[in-house]
């Protein structure tokens, strides 16, 4: 049971830091300043549900999907780790692109931004999807997979809570404070990415050693 809880906590942290809601706050505020509090509540609720569904589907089917295309687990661990490490480097520089300019302009004309761009790509983007697939690859039982799904729900819910408090946080610590939090989270994310890469390389080395032996 302790190992299940540990894995769930690790998954929760990995998903939370890859989404990095503190870095999303400025984008979120720019997209939502025209909505009422009641509308924002509905938008965040819908976005949370949709993001959880997207990430949960990839957690349940991700590895099988990549295996269908002939991609091995070590290959995906290395590739996913490199992708997440790239995201971490961008966060360290506080220049990670969340939404393209044309996507932001389109969102400003939408009455409902819950699915796009809030649910995806802001909450359930490529980095978060890669993370949950990599975490699901370590699930060795139904219980561990359930704990991963719980971690997904908890992480996305906390991200939305941070966004809800976005105006207050922005007022208290400002853009500089948000950038500092983003860089701190990027360090954690970089360590997670390196671990994924090391896991993949370790498996490859072991396979080569067995073949040579």
N, C-alpha and C. Protein backbone atom coordinates (compact mmCIF):
# COMPACT_ATOMS: atom_id res chain seq x y z
N UNK A 1 0.83 -1.21 0.00
CA UNK A 1 0.00 0.00 0.00
C UNK A 1 0.86 1.26 0.00
N UNK A 2 1.97 1.23 0.76
CA UNK A 2 2.85 2.38 0.82
C UNK A 2 3.42 2.72 -0.55
N UNK A 3 3.78 1.68 -1.30
CA UNK A 3 4.34 1.91 -2.63
C UNK A 3 3.30 2.50 -3.56
N UNK A 4 2.03 2.07 -3.41
CA UNK A 4 0.96 2.63 -4.24
C UNK A 4 0.77 4.11 -3.95
N UNK A 5 0.79 4.46 -2.66
CA UNK A 5 0.63 5.86 -2.29
C UNK A 5 1.80 6.69 -2.79
N UNK A 6 3.01 6.13 -2.68
CA UNK A 6 4.20 6.84 -3.14
C UNK A 6 4.13 7.10 -4.65
N UNK A 7 3.73 6.07 -5.40
CA UNK A 7 3.60 6.22 -6.85
C UNK A 7 2.53 7.26 -7.20
N UNK A 8 1.42 7.24 -6.45
CA UNK A 8 0.34 8.20 -6.71
C UNK A 8 0.81 9.63 -6.43
N UNK A 9 1.56 9.81 -5.34
CA UNK A 9 2.08 11.14 -5.01
C UNK A 9 3.06 11.61 -6.08
N UNK A 10 3.92 10.70 -6.54
CA UNK A 10 4.87 11.05 -7.59
C UNK A 10 4.15 11.43 -8.88
N UNK A 11 3.11 10.69 -9.21
CA UNK A 11 2.32 11.00 -10.40
C UNK A 11 1.64 12.36 -10.26
N UNK A 12 1.08 12.59 -9.09
CA UNK A 12 0.41 13.86 -8.81
C UNK A 12 1.37 15.03 -9.00
N UNK A 13 2.56 14.91 -8.42
CA UNK A 13 3.55 15.98 -8.52
C UNK A 13 3.98 16.18 -9.97
N UNK A 14 4.22 15.07 -10.68
CA UNK A 14 4.67 15.16 -12.07
C UNK A 14 3.65 15.88 -12.94
N UNK A 15 2.37 15.52 -12.78
CA UNK A 15 1.32 16.13 -13.59
C UNK A 15 1.15 17.60 -13.22
N UNK A 16 1.19 17.90 -11.93
CA UNK A 16 0.99 19.28 -11.49
C UNK A 16 2.10 20.20 -12.01
N UNK A 17 3.35 19.73 -11.93
CA UNK A 17 4.45 20.60 -12.34
C UNK A 17 4.53 20.73 -13.87
N UNK A 18 4.11 19.71 -14.60
CA UNK A 18 4.14 19.82 -16.07
C UNK A 18 3.06 20.79 -16.55
N UNK A 19 1.91 20.79 -15.88
CA UNK A 19 0.86 21.76 -16.23
C UNK A 19 1.29 23.16 -15.80
N UNK A 20 1.89 23.26 -14.61
CA UNK A 20 2.38 24.52 -14.07
C UNK A 20 1.32 25.62 -14.14
N UNK A 21 0.28 25.53 -13.33
CA UNK A 21 -0.80 26.51 -13.40
C UNK A 21 -0.38 27.94 -13.09
N UNK A 22 0.75 28.09 -12.36
CA UNK A 22 1.22 29.44 -12.05
C UNK A 22 1.65 30.18 -13.31
N UNK A 23 2.22 29.44 -14.26
CA UNK A 23 2.61 30.06 -15.52
C UNK A 23 1.40 30.29 -16.42
N UNK A 24 0.32 29.55 -16.17
CA UNK A 24 -0.89 29.68 -16.98
C UNK A 24 -1.71 30.90 -16.56
N UNK A 25 -1.54 31.35 -15.32
CA UNK A 25 -2.38 32.42 -14.77
C UNK A 25 -2.45 33.66 -15.67
N UNK A 26 -1.33 34.22 -16.15
CA UNK A 26 -1.44 35.41 -17.00
C UNK A 26 -2.27 35.18 -18.26
N UNK A 27 -2.09 34.01 -18.90
CA UNK A 27 -2.88 33.68 -20.09
C UNK A 27 -4.35 33.54 -19.72
N UNK A 28 -4.60 32.85 -18.61
CA UNK A 28 -5.97 32.62 -18.15
C UNK A 28 -6.68 33.94 -17.86
N UNK A 29 -6.00 34.84 -17.19
CA UNK A 29 -6.61 36.13 -16.85
C UNK A 29 -6.93 36.94 -18.11
N UNK A 30 -6.05 36.86 -19.10
CA UNK A 30 -6.29 37.58 -20.33
C UNK A 30 -7.46 37.05 -21.12
N UNK A 31 -7.74 35.75 -20.97
CA UNK A 31 -8.82 35.12 -21.73
C UNK A 31 -10.17 35.22 -21.02
N UNK A 32 -10.15 35.45 -19.72
CA UNK A 32 -11.40 35.32 -18.95
C UNK A 32 -11.89 36.62 -18.31
N UNK A 33 -11.24 37.73 -18.58
CA UNK A 33 -11.65 38.96 -17.90
C UNK A 33 -13.03 39.45 -18.33
N UNK A 34 -13.57 38.89 -19.43
CA UNK A 34 -14.88 39.32 -19.91
C UNK A 34 -16.03 38.48 -19.35
N UNK A 35 -15.70 37.43 -18.58
CA UNK A 35 -16.73 36.53 -18.07
C UNK A 35 -17.12 36.89 -16.64
N UNK A 36 -18.37 36.59 -16.28
CA UNK A 36 -18.82 36.78 -14.91
C UNK A 36 -18.29 35.66 -14.03
N UNK A 37 -18.36 35.85 -12.72
CA UNK A 37 -17.87 34.84 -11.78
C UNK A 37 -18.63 33.51 -11.96
N UNK A 38 -19.93 33.60 -12.18
CA UNK A 38 -20.73 32.39 -12.35
C UNK A 38 -20.35 31.66 -13.62
N UNK A 39 -20.10 32.40 -14.69
CA UNK A 39 -19.68 31.78 -15.95
C UNK A 39 -18.32 31.13 -15.81
N UNK A 40 -17.42 31.79 -15.10
CA UNK A 40 -16.08 31.23 -14.89
C UNK A 40 -16.13 29.94 -14.10
N UNK A 41 -17.03 29.89 -13.12
CA UNK A 41 -17.18 28.68 -12.32
C UNK A 41 -17.60 27.50 -13.20
N UNK A 42 -18.54 27.73 -14.09
CA UNK A 42 -19.00 26.68 -15.00
C UNK A 42 -17.90 26.29 -15.99
N UNK A 43 -17.15 27.28 -16.47
CA UNK A 43 -16.07 27.02 -17.43
C UNK A 43 -14.98 26.17 -16.79
N UNK A 44 -14.58 26.52 -15.57
CA UNK A 44 -13.53 25.76 -14.89
C UNK A 44 -13.99 24.34 -14.58
N UNK A 45 -15.26 24.19 -14.17
CA UNK A 45 -15.77 22.85 -13.88
C UNK A 45 -15.75 21.97 -15.12
N UNK A 46 -16.23 22.51 -16.23
CA UNK A 46 -16.26 21.76 -17.48
C UNK A 46 -14.84 21.45 -17.95
N UNK A 47 -13.94 22.41 -17.82
CA UNK A 47 -12.56 22.21 -18.24
C UNK A 47 -11.89 21.12 -17.42
N UNK A 48 -12.17 21.10 -16.12
CA UNK A 48 -11.60 20.07 -15.25
C UNK A 48 -12.06 18.68 -15.67
N UNK A 49 -13.34 18.55 -15.93
CA UNK A 49 -13.90 17.25 -16.33
C UNK A 49 -13.30 16.79 -17.65
N UNK A 50 -13.25 17.69 -18.64
CA UNK A 50 -12.73 17.33 -19.95
C UNK A 50 -11.24 16.98 -19.88
N UNK A 51 -10.46 17.77 -19.15
CA UNK A 51 -9.03 17.50 -19.02
C UNK A 51 -8.79 16.16 -18.33
N UNK A 52 -9.58 15.86 -17.30
CA UNK A 52 -9.44 14.58 -16.60
C UNK A 52 -9.77 13.41 -17.52
N UNK A 53 -10.78 13.58 -18.35
CA UNK A 53 -11.16 12.53 -19.30
C UNK A 53 -10.04 12.29 -20.31
N UNK A 54 -9.49 13.37 -20.85
CA UNK A 54 -8.41 13.25 -21.84
C UNK A 54 -7.21 12.53 -21.24
N UNK A 55 -6.76 12.99 -20.08
CA UNK A 55 -5.57 12.40 -19.47
C UNK A 55 -5.84 10.96 -19.02
N UNK A 56 -7.03 10.70 -18.53
CA UNK A 56 -7.36 9.34 -18.08
C UNK A 56 -7.39 8.37 -19.26
N UNK A 57 -7.92 8.81 -20.39
CA UNK A 57 -7.95 7.95 -21.58
C UNK A 57 -6.54 7.59 -22.03
N UNK A 58 -5.65 8.56 -22.00
CA UNK A 58 -4.26 8.28 -22.39
C UNK A 58 -3.56 7.41 -21.34
N UNK A 59 -3.92 7.60 -20.08
CA UNK A 59 -3.34 6.75 -19.04
C UNK A 59 -3.76 5.30 -19.22
N UNK A 60 -5.00 5.09 -19.68
CA UNK A 60 -5.53 3.74 -19.84
C UNK A 60 -5.11 3.09 -21.15
N UNK A 61 -4.90 3.89 -22.19
CA UNK A 61 -4.65 3.31 -23.53
C UNK A 61 -3.31 3.73 -24.14
N UNK A 62 -2.61 4.64 -23.49
CA UNK A 62 -1.41 5.21 -24.10
C UNK A 62 -0.38 4.19 -24.56
N UNK A 63 0.06 3.33 -23.65
CA UNK A 63 1.10 2.36 -23.98
C UNK A 63 0.63 1.39 -25.05
N UNK A 64 -0.62 0.95 -24.97
CA UNK A 64 -1.16 0.04 -25.98
C UNK A 64 -1.19 0.71 -27.35
N UNK A 65 -1.53 2.00 -27.35
CA UNK A 65 -1.58 2.75 -28.61
C UNK A 65 -0.21 2.85 -29.24
N UNK A 66 0.80 3.16 -28.43
CA UNK A 66 2.14 3.29 -28.98
C UNK A 66 2.71 1.92 -29.38
N UNK A 67 2.34 0.88 -28.66
CA UNK A 67 2.78 -0.47 -29.03
C UNK A 67 2.18 -0.87 -30.37
N UNK A 68 0.96 -0.42 -30.64
CA UNK A 68 0.31 -0.70 -31.91
C UNK A 68 1.13 -0.17 -33.08
N UNK A 69 1.79 0.95 -32.84
CA UNK A 69 2.63 1.55 -33.89
C UNK A 69 4.07 1.07 -33.82
N UNK A 70 4.32 0.05 -32.99
CA UNK A 70 5.64 -0.54 -32.92
C UNK A 70 6.63 0.20 -32.05
N UNK A 71 6.14 1.07 -31.19
CA UNK A 71 7.01 1.84 -30.30
C UNK A 71 7.18 1.09 -28.98
N UNK A 72 8.43 0.83 -28.60
CA UNK A 72 8.69 0.11 -27.36
C UNK A 72 8.61 1.07 -26.17
N UNK A 73 8.44 0.50 -24.99
CA UNK A 73 8.36 1.31 -23.78
C UNK A 73 9.64 2.10 -23.53
N UNK A 74 10.84 1.48 -23.63
CA UNK A 74 12.07 2.26 -23.42
C UNK A 74 12.19 3.42 -24.39
N UNK A 75 11.79 3.20 -25.64
CA UNK A 75 11.86 4.28 -26.63
C UNK A 75 10.96 5.43 -26.23
N UNK A 76 9.76 5.11 -25.75
CA UNK A 76 8.84 6.17 -25.36
C UNK A 76 9.31 6.84 -24.07
N UNK A 77 9.91 6.07 -23.17
CA UNK A 77 10.43 6.67 -21.94
C UNK A 77 11.52 7.69 -22.26
N UNK A 78 12.39 7.34 -23.19
CA UNK A 78 13.48 8.25 -23.56
C UNK A 78 12.93 9.47 -24.31
N UNK A 79 12.07 9.21 -25.30
CA UNK A 79 11.50 10.31 -26.08
C UNK A 79 10.63 11.22 -25.21
N UNK A 80 9.79 10.60 -24.37
CA UNK A 80 8.94 11.38 -23.47
C UNK A 80 9.76 12.17 -22.46
N UNK A 81 10.81 11.55 -21.96
CA UNK A 81 11.69 12.25 -21.02
C UNK A 81 12.36 13.45 -21.66
N UNK A 82 12.79 13.29 -22.91
CA UNK A 82 13.42 14.41 -23.63
C UNK A 82 12.41 15.54 -23.86
N UNK A 83 11.17 15.17 -24.21
CA UNK A 83 10.13 16.18 -24.42
C UNK A 83 9.86 16.95 -23.13
N UNK A 84 9.71 16.22 -22.04
CA UNK A 84 9.44 16.86 -20.75
C UNK A 84 10.62 17.72 -20.31
N UNK A 85 11.84 17.24 -20.58
CA UNK A 85 13.04 18.02 -20.23
C UNK A 85 13.08 19.32 -21.02
N UNK A 86 12.67 19.26 -22.28
CA UNK A 86 12.60 20.47 -23.11
C UNK A 86 11.60 21.47 -22.51
N UNK A 87 10.46 20.94 -22.07
CA UNK A 87 9.46 21.80 -21.43
C UNK A 87 10.03 22.43 -20.16
N UNK A 88 10.79 21.63 -19.39
CA UNK A 88 11.40 22.14 -18.16
C UNK A 88 12.38 23.27 -18.46
N UNK A 89 13.17 23.12 -19.52
CA UNK A 89 14.12 24.18 -19.90
C UNK A 89 13.39 25.46 -20.29
N UNK A 90 12.27 25.29 -21.00
CA UNK A 90 11.47 26.46 -21.38
C UNK A 90 10.89 27.14 -20.15
N UNK A 91 10.45 26.34 -19.19
CA UNK A 91 9.91 26.92 -17.96
C UNK A 91 11.00 27.62 -17.15
N UNK A 92 12.21 27.09 -17.19
CA UNK A 92 13.31 27.73 -16.47
C UNK A 92 13.58 29.12 -17.05
N UNK A 93 13.36 29.25 -18.35
CA UNK A 93 13.53 30.55 -18.99
C UNK A 93 12.28 31.38 -18.97
N UNK A 94 11.19 30.83 -18.38
CA UNK A 94 9.89 31.51 -18.29
C UNK A 94 9.39 31.93 -19.66
N UNK A 95 9.72 31.12 -20.70
CA UNK A 95 9.28 31.48 -22.05
C UNK A 95 8.54 30.34 -22.73
N UNK A 96 7.90 29.48 -21.92
CA UNK A 96 7.14 28.38 -22.48
C UNK A 96 5.87 28.90 -23.15
N UNK A 97 5.67 28.54 -24.40
CA UNK A 97 4.51 28.99 -25.14
C UNK A 97 3.30 28.11 -24.81
N UNK A 98 2.30 28.69 -24.19
CA UNK A 98 1.11 27.94 -23.80
C UNK A 98 0.09 27.89 -24.92
N UNK A 99 -0.20 29.06 -25.47
CA UNK A 99 -1.18 29.16 -26.53
C UNK A 99 -0.61 30.07 -27.61
N UNK A 100 -0.71 29.64 -28.86
CA UNK A 100 -0.21 30.45 -29.95
C UNK A 100 -1.04 31.72 -30.09
N UNK A 101 -0.45 32.73 -30.72
CA UNK A 101 -1.14 34.02 -30.84
C UNK A 101 -2.47 33.89 -31.56
N UNK A 102 -2.47 33.11 -32.66
CA UNK A 102 -3.71 32.96 -33.41
C UNK A 102 -4.76 32.19 -32.61
N UNK A 103 -4.30 31.26 -31.75
CA UNK A 103 -5.23 30.52 -30.90
C UNK A 103 -5.79 31.42 -29.82
N UNK A 104 -4.96 32.31 -29.28
CA UNK A 104 -5.44 33.26 -28.28
C UNK A 104 -6.47 34.21 -28.88
N UNK A 105 -6.20 34.70 -30.08
CA UNK A 105 -7.14 35.60 -30.74
C UNK A 105 -8.48 34.91 -30.99
N UNK A 106 -8.41 33.63 -31.40
CA UNK A 106 -9.64 32.88 -31.63
C UNK A 106 -10.41 32.68 -30.33
N UNK A 107 -9.68 32.42 -29.25
CA UNK A 107 -10.32 32.17 -27.96
C UNK A 107 -11.04 33.42 -27.44
N UNK A 108 -10.51 34.59 -27.78
CA UNK A 108 -11.12 35.83 -27.32
C UNK A 108 -12.50 36.05 -27.93
N UNK A 109 -12.74 35.36 -29.05
CA UNK A 109 -14.04 35.48 -29.71
C UNK A 109 -14.99 34.34 -29.37
N UNK A 110 -14.56 33.44 -28.49
CA UNK A 110 -15.39 32.31 -28.12
C UNK A 110 -16.22 32.63 -26.88
N UNK A 111 -17.45 32.11 -26.88
CA UNK A 111 -18.29 32.24 -25.69
C UNK A 111 -17.96 31.17 -24.66
N UNK A 112 -17.34 30.09 -25.12
CA UNK A 112 -16.99 28.98 -24.22
C UNK A 112 -15.55 28.58 -24.48
N UNK A 113 -14.67 28.84 -23.51
CA UNK A 113 -13.25 28.49 -23.66
C UNK A 113 -12.89 27.30 -22.78
N UNK A 114 -13.90 26.60 -22.27
CA UNK A 114 -13.65 25.52 -21.33
C UNK A 114 -12.88 24.36 -21.96
N UNK A 115 -13.28 23.97 -23.18
CA UNK A 115 -12.61 22.84 -23.84
C UNK A 115 -11.32 23.30 -24.51
N UNK A 116 -11.44 24.36 -25.30
CA UNK A 116 -10.26 24.94 -25.94
C UNK A 116 -10.24 26.43 -25.67
N UNK A 117 -9.17 26.99 -25.10
CA UNK A 117 -7.89 26.33 -24.83
C UNK A 117 -7.68 25.89 -23.38
N UNK A 118 -8.71 26.00 -22.51
CA UNK A 118 -8.48 25.73 -21.09
C UNK A 118 -8.23 24.26 -20.80
N UNK A 119 -9.17 23.39 -21.21
CA UNK A 119 -8.98 21.95 -20.96
C UNK A 119 -7.78 21.43 -21.72
N UNK A 120 -7.68 21.81 -22.98
CA UNK A 120 -6.53 21.46 -23.80
C UNK A 120 -6.25 22.61 -24.76
N UNK A 121 -5.02 23.10 -24.81
CA UNK A 121 -3.79 22.49 -24.29
C UNK A 121 -3.31 23.01 -22.93
N UNK A 122 -4.03 23.94 -22.28
CA UNK A 122 -3.51 24.52 -21.05
C UNK A 122 -3.42 23.51 -19.92
N UNK A 123 -4.45 22.66 -19.75
CA UNK A 123 -4.42 21.66 -18.68
C UNK A 123 -3.94 20.30 -19.18
N UNK A 124 -4.52 19.84 -20.27
CA UNK A 124 -4.15 18.52 -20.80
C UNK A 124 -3.43 18.71 -22.13
N UNK A 125 -2.21 19.20 -22.05
CA UNK A 125 -1.40 19.42 -23.25
C UNK A 125 -0.48 18.25 -23.53
N UNK A 126 0.39 18.38 -24.54
CA UNK A 126 1.30 17.28 -24.91
C UNK A 126 2.19 16.82 -23.76
N UNK A 127 2.69 17.78 -22.96
CA UNK A 127 3.55 17.41 -21.84
C UNK A 127 2.82 16.60 -20.80
N UNK A 128 1.60 17.03 -20.45
CA UNK A 128 0.80 16.31 -19.46
C UNK A 128 0.42 14.92 -19.97
N UNK A 129 0.07 14.85 -21.25
CA UNK A 129 -0.30 13.55 -21.84
C UNK A 129 0.90 12.60 -21.81
N UNK A 130 2.07 13.09 -22.20
CA UNK A 130 3.27 12.26 -22.17
C UNK A 130 3.56 11.78 -20.75
N UNK A 131 3.36 12.66 -19.79
CA UNK A 131 3.62 12.32 -18.39
C UNK A 131 2.72 11.20 -17.90
N UNK A 132 1.41 11.29 -18.17
CA UNK A 132 0.50 10.26 -17.68
C UNK A 132 0.74 8.92 -18.38
N UNK A 133 1.13 8.97 -19.65
CA UNK A 133 1.44 7.71 -20.35
C UNK A 133 2.67 7.07 -19.74
N UNK A 134 3.68 7.88 -19.45
CA UNK A 134 4.89 7.34 -18.83
C UNK A 134 4.59 6.81 -17.43
N UNK A 135 3.77 7.51 -16.70
CA UNK A 135 3.41 7.04 -15.36
C UNK A 135 2.59 5.75 -15.44
N UNK A 136 1.72 5.65 -16.45
CA UNK A 136 0.91 4.43 -16.59
C UNK A 136 1.77 3.23 -16.96
N UNK A 137 2.92 3.50 -17.60
CA UNK A 137 3.81 2.39 -17.97
C UNK A 137 4.39 1.71 -16.74
N UNK A 138 4.37 2.40 -15.60
CA UNK A 138 4.89 1.82 -14.37
C UNK A 138 3.81 1.12 -13.55
N UNK A 139 2.56 1.26 -14.00
CA UNK A 139 1.46 0.64 -13.26
C UNK A 139 1.47 -0.88 -13.50
N UNK A 140 1.67 -1.63 -12.45
CA UNK A 140 1.79 -3.08 -12.56
C UNK A 140 0.54 -3.82 -12.09
N UNK A 141 -0.45 -3.07 -11.63
CA UNK A 141 -1.67 -3.71 -11.14
C UNK A 141 -2.86 -2.77 -11.34
N UNK A 142 -4.04 -3.33 -11.18
CA UNK A 142 -5.25 -2.52 -11.29
C UNK A 142 -5.27 -1.43 -10.23
N UNK A 143 -4.80 -1.77 -9.02
CA UNK A 143 -4.79 -0.79 -7.94
C UNK A 143 -3.89 0.39 -8.26
N UNK A 144 -2.71 0.12 -8.82
CA UNK A 144 -1.78 1.20 -9.14
C UNK A 144 -2.34 2.08 -10.26
N UNK A 145 -3.07 1.48 -11.19
CA UNK A 145 -3.68 2.25 -12.26
C UNK A 145 -4.80 3.14 -11.71
N UNK A 146 -5.56 2.60 -10.77
CA UNK A 146 -6.62 3.40 -10.13
C UNK A 146 -6.01 4.58 -9.38
N UNK A 147 -4.90 4.33 -8.69
CA UNK A 147 -4.23 5.41 -7.96
C UNK A 147 -3.73 6.49 -8.92
N UNK A 148 -3.28 6.08 -10.11
CA UNK A 148 -2.86 7.05 -11.12
C UNK A 148 -4.03 7.92 -11.55
N UNK A 149 -5.18 7.30 -11.76
CA UNK A 149 -6.37 8.06 -12.15
C UNK A 149 -6.77 9.04 -11.04
N UNK A 150 -6.64 8.61 -9.79
CA UNK A 150 -6.92 9.51 -8.67
C UNK A 150 -5.94 10.69 -8.68
N UNK A 151 -4.68 10.39 -8.97
CA UNK A 151 -3.65 11.44 -9.02
C UNK A 151 -3.95 12.44 -10.13
N UNK A 152 -4.45 11.94 -11.26
CA UNK A 152 -4.80 12.82 -12.37
C UNK A 152 -5.91 13.78 -11.97
N UNK A 153 -6.96 13.23 -11.37
CA UNK A 153 -8.10 14.05 -10.94
C UNK A 153 -7.65 15.09 -9.92
N UNK A 154 -6.84 14.67 -8.95
CA UNK A 154 -6.38 15.57 -7.90
C UNK A 154 -5.50 16.68 -8.46
N UNK A 155 -4.59 16.32 -9.38
CA UNK A 155 -3.68 17.31 -9.94
C UNK A 155 -4.42 18.35 -10.78
N UNK A 156 -5.34 17.88 -11.62
CA UNK A 156 -6.10 18.82 -12.46
C UNK A 156 -7.00 19.69 -11.60
N UNK A 157 -7.60 19.12 -10.57
CA UNK A 157 -8.47 19.89 -9.68
C UNK A 157 -7.67 20.97 -8.96
N UNK A 158 -6.45 20.63 -8.52
CA UNK A 158 -5.62 21.63 -7.84
C UNK A 158 -5.19 22.72 -8.81
N UNK A 159 -4.89 22.33 -10.05
CA UNK A 159 -4.53 23.32 -11.07
C UNK A 159 -5.66 24.32 -11.28
N UNK A 160 -6.89 23.81 -11.31
CA UNK A 160 -8.03 24.69 -11.50
C UNK A 160 -8.26 25.58 -10.28
N UNK A 161 -7.95 25.07 -9.10
CA UNK A 161 -8.06 25.89 -7.89
C UNK A 161 -7.06 27.04 -7.95
N UNK A 162 -5.85 26.74 -8.43
CA UNK A 162 -4.83 27.79 -8.58
C UNK A 162 -5.32 28.86 -9.57
N UNK A 163 -5.94 28.40 -10.67
CA UNK A 163 -6.47 29.36 -11.64
C UNK A 163 -7.60 30.20 -11.03
N UNK A 164 -8.43 29.57 -10.22
CA UNK A 164 -9.51 30.30 -9.55
C UNK A 164 -8.95 31.42 -8.67
N UNK A 165 -7.83 31.11 -8.02
CA UNK A 165 -7.18 32.08 -7.15
C UNK A 165 -6.22 32.98 -7.92
N UNK A 166 -6.19 32.80 -9.25
CA UNK A 166 -5.25 33.52 -10.09
C UNK A 166 -5.23 35.03 -9.88
N UNK A 167 -6.39 35.69 -9.91
CA UNK A 167 -6.39 37.15 -9.71
C UNK A 167 -5.75 37.57 -8.38
N UNK A 168 -6.05 36.81 -7.32
CA UNK A 168 -5.49 37.12 -6.01
C UNK A 168 -3.98 36.89 -5.99
N UNK A 169 -3.54 35.75 -6.55
CA UNK A 169 -2.10 35.45 -6.59
C UNK A 169 -1.35 36.48 -7.41
N UNK A 170 -1.94 36.85 -8.54
CA UNK A 170 -1.28 37.83 -9.41
C UNK A 170 -1.15 39.18 -8.69
N UNK A 171 -2.17 39.51 -7.90
CA UNK A 171 -2.15 40.78 -7.17
C UNK A 171 -1.12 40.75 -6.05
N UNK A 172 -0.96 39.60 -5.40
CA UNK A 172 -0.07 39.49 -4.24
C UNK A 172 1.40 39.39 -4.66
N UNK A 173 1.71 38.45 -5.58
CA UNK A 173 3.12 38.20 -5.90
C UNK A 173 3.52 38.73 -7.28
N UNK A 174 2.56 39.09 -8.11
CA UNK A 174 2.88 39.69 -9.40
C UNK A 174 3.50 38.72 -10.38
N UNK A 175 3.87 39.23 -11.54
CA UNK A 175 4.46 38.40 -12.60
C UNK A 175 5.80 37.83 -12.18
N UNK A 176 6.58 38.64 -11.44
CA UNK A 176 7.89 38.16 -10.99
C UNK A 176 7.76 36.96 -10.06
N UNK A 177 6.82 37.02 -9.14
CA UNK A 177 6.61 35.91 -8.22
C UNK A 177 6.14 34.66 -8.93
N UNK A 178 5.25 34.82 -9.91
CA UNK A 178 4.77 33.68 -10.69
C UNK A 178 5.91 33.05 -11.48
N UNK A 179 6.79 33.89 -12.05
CA UNK A 179 7.94 33.37 -12.79
C UNK A 179 8.88 32.60 -11.87
N UNK A 180 9.03 33.07 -10.64
CA UNK A 180 9.88 32.37 -9.68
C UNK A 180 9.31 31.00 -9.36
N UNK A 181 7.99 30.93 -9.12
CA UNK A 181 7.36 29.64 -8.85
C UNK A 181 7.49 28.71 -10.05
N UNK A 182 7.38 29.25 -11.24
CA UNK A 182 7.52 28.45 -12.46
C UNK A 182 8.91 27.86 -12.56
N UNK A 183 9.92 28.64 -12.24
CA UNK A 183 11.30 28.14 -12.32
C UNK A 183 11.57 27.07 -11.27
N UNK A 184 10.99 27.24 -10.08
CA UNK A 184 11.16 26.23 -9.04
C UNK A 184 10.51 24.91 -9.46
N UNK A 185 9.34 25.01 -10.05
CA UNK A 185 8.65 23.81 -10.51
C UNK A 185 9.38 23.19 -11.69
N UNK A 186 10.03 24.03 -12.49
CA UNK A 186 10.78 23.51 -13.64
C UNK A 186 11.95 22.64 -13.19
N UNK A 187 12.57 22.98 -12.07
CA UNK A 187 13.66 22.15 -11.55
C UNK A 187 13.16 20.76 -11.18
N UNK A 188 11.98 20.71 -10.55
CA UNK A 188 11.39 19.41 -10.22
C UNK A 188 11.06 18.65 -11.48
N UNK A 189 10.50 19.36 -12.45
CA UNK A 189 10.13 18.72 -13.72
C UNK A 189 11.35 18.17 -14.45
N UNK A 190 12.45 18.90 -14.42
CA UNK A 190 13.68 18.44 -15.07
C UNK A 190 14.17 17.14 -14.44
N UNK A 191 14.08 17.06 -13.11
CA UNK A 191 14.50 15.84 -12.42
C UNK A 191 13.62 14.66 -12.80
N UNK A 192 12.31 14.91 -12.92
CA UNK A 192 11.37 13.86 -13.34
C UNK A 192 11.72 13.39 -14.74
N UNK A 193 12.01 14.33 -15.64
CA UNK A 193 12.34 14.00 -17.02
C UNK A 193 13.61 13.16 -17.10
N UNK A 194 14.61 13.55 -16.35
CA UNK A 194 15.89 12.80 -16.35
C UNK A 194 15.66 11.38 -15.85
N UNK A 195 14.81 11.23 -14.84
CA UNK A 195 14.52 9.89 -14.32
C UNK A 195 13.86 9.01 -15.37
N UNK A 196 12.92 9.58 -16.15
CA UNK A 196 12.29 8.83 -17.23
C UNK A 196 13.34 8.38 -18.24
N UNK A 197 14.24 9.27 -18.60
CA UNK A 197 15.29 8.95 -19.57
C UNK A 197 16.20 7.85 -19.03
N UNK A 198 16.59 7.96 -17.77
CA UNK A 198 17.46 6.96 -17.16
C UNK A 198 16.77 5.59 -17.11
N UNK A 199 15.47 5.58 -16.83
CA UNK A 199 14.73 4.32 -16.80
C UNK A 199 14.74 3.66 -18.17
N UNK A 200 14.53 4.46 -19.21
CA UNK A 200 14.54 3.93 -20.56
C UNK A 200 15.92 3.41 -20.96
N UNK A 201 16.95 4.18 -20.66
CA UNK A 201 18.32 3.77 -21.00
C UNK A 201 18.72 2.52 -20.22
N UNK A 202 18.29 2.45 -18.96
CA UNK A 202 18.62 1.28 -18.14
C UNK A 202 18.03 0.01 -18.74
N UNK A 203 16.79 0.10 -19.20
CA UNK A 203 16.14 -1.06 -19.82
C UNK A 203 16.87 -1.48 -21.08
N UNK A 204 17.27 -0.49 -21.89
CA UNK A 204 17.99 -0.79 -23.13
C UNK A 204 19.32 -1.46 -22.84
N UNK A 205 20.05 -0.92 -21.86
CA UNK A 205 21.36 -1.49 -21.50
C UNK A 205 21.19 -2.91 -21.01
N UNK A 206 20.18 -3.17 -20.19
CA UNK A 206 19.94 -4.51 -19.66
C UNK A 206 19.62 -5.49 -20.79
N UNK A 207 18.82 -5.05 -21.77
CA UNK A 207 18.47 -5.91 -22.91
C UNK A 207 19.71 -6.24 -23.73
N UNK A 208 20.56 -5.23 -23.94
CA UNK A 208 21.78 -5.46 -24.70
C UNK A 208 22.70 -6.43 -23.96
N UNK A 209 22.78 -6.27 -22.64
CA UNK A 209 23.64 -7.15 -21.83
C UNK A 209 23.15 -8.60 -21.91
N UNK A 210 21.81 -8.78 -21.86
CA UNK A 210 21.26 -10.13 -21.96
C UNK A 210 21.55 -10.76 -23.31
N UNK A 211 21.41 -9.97 -24.36
CA UNK A 211 21.66 -10.49 -25.71
C UNK A 211 23.12 -10.86 -25.90
N UNK A 212 24.01 -10.03 -25.34
CA UNK A 212 25.44 -10.31 -25.47
C UNK A 212 25.85 -11.51 -24.60
N UNK A 213 25.12 -11.65 -23.48
CA UNK A 213 25.43 -12.75 -22.57
C UNK A 213 24.97 -14.08 -23.09
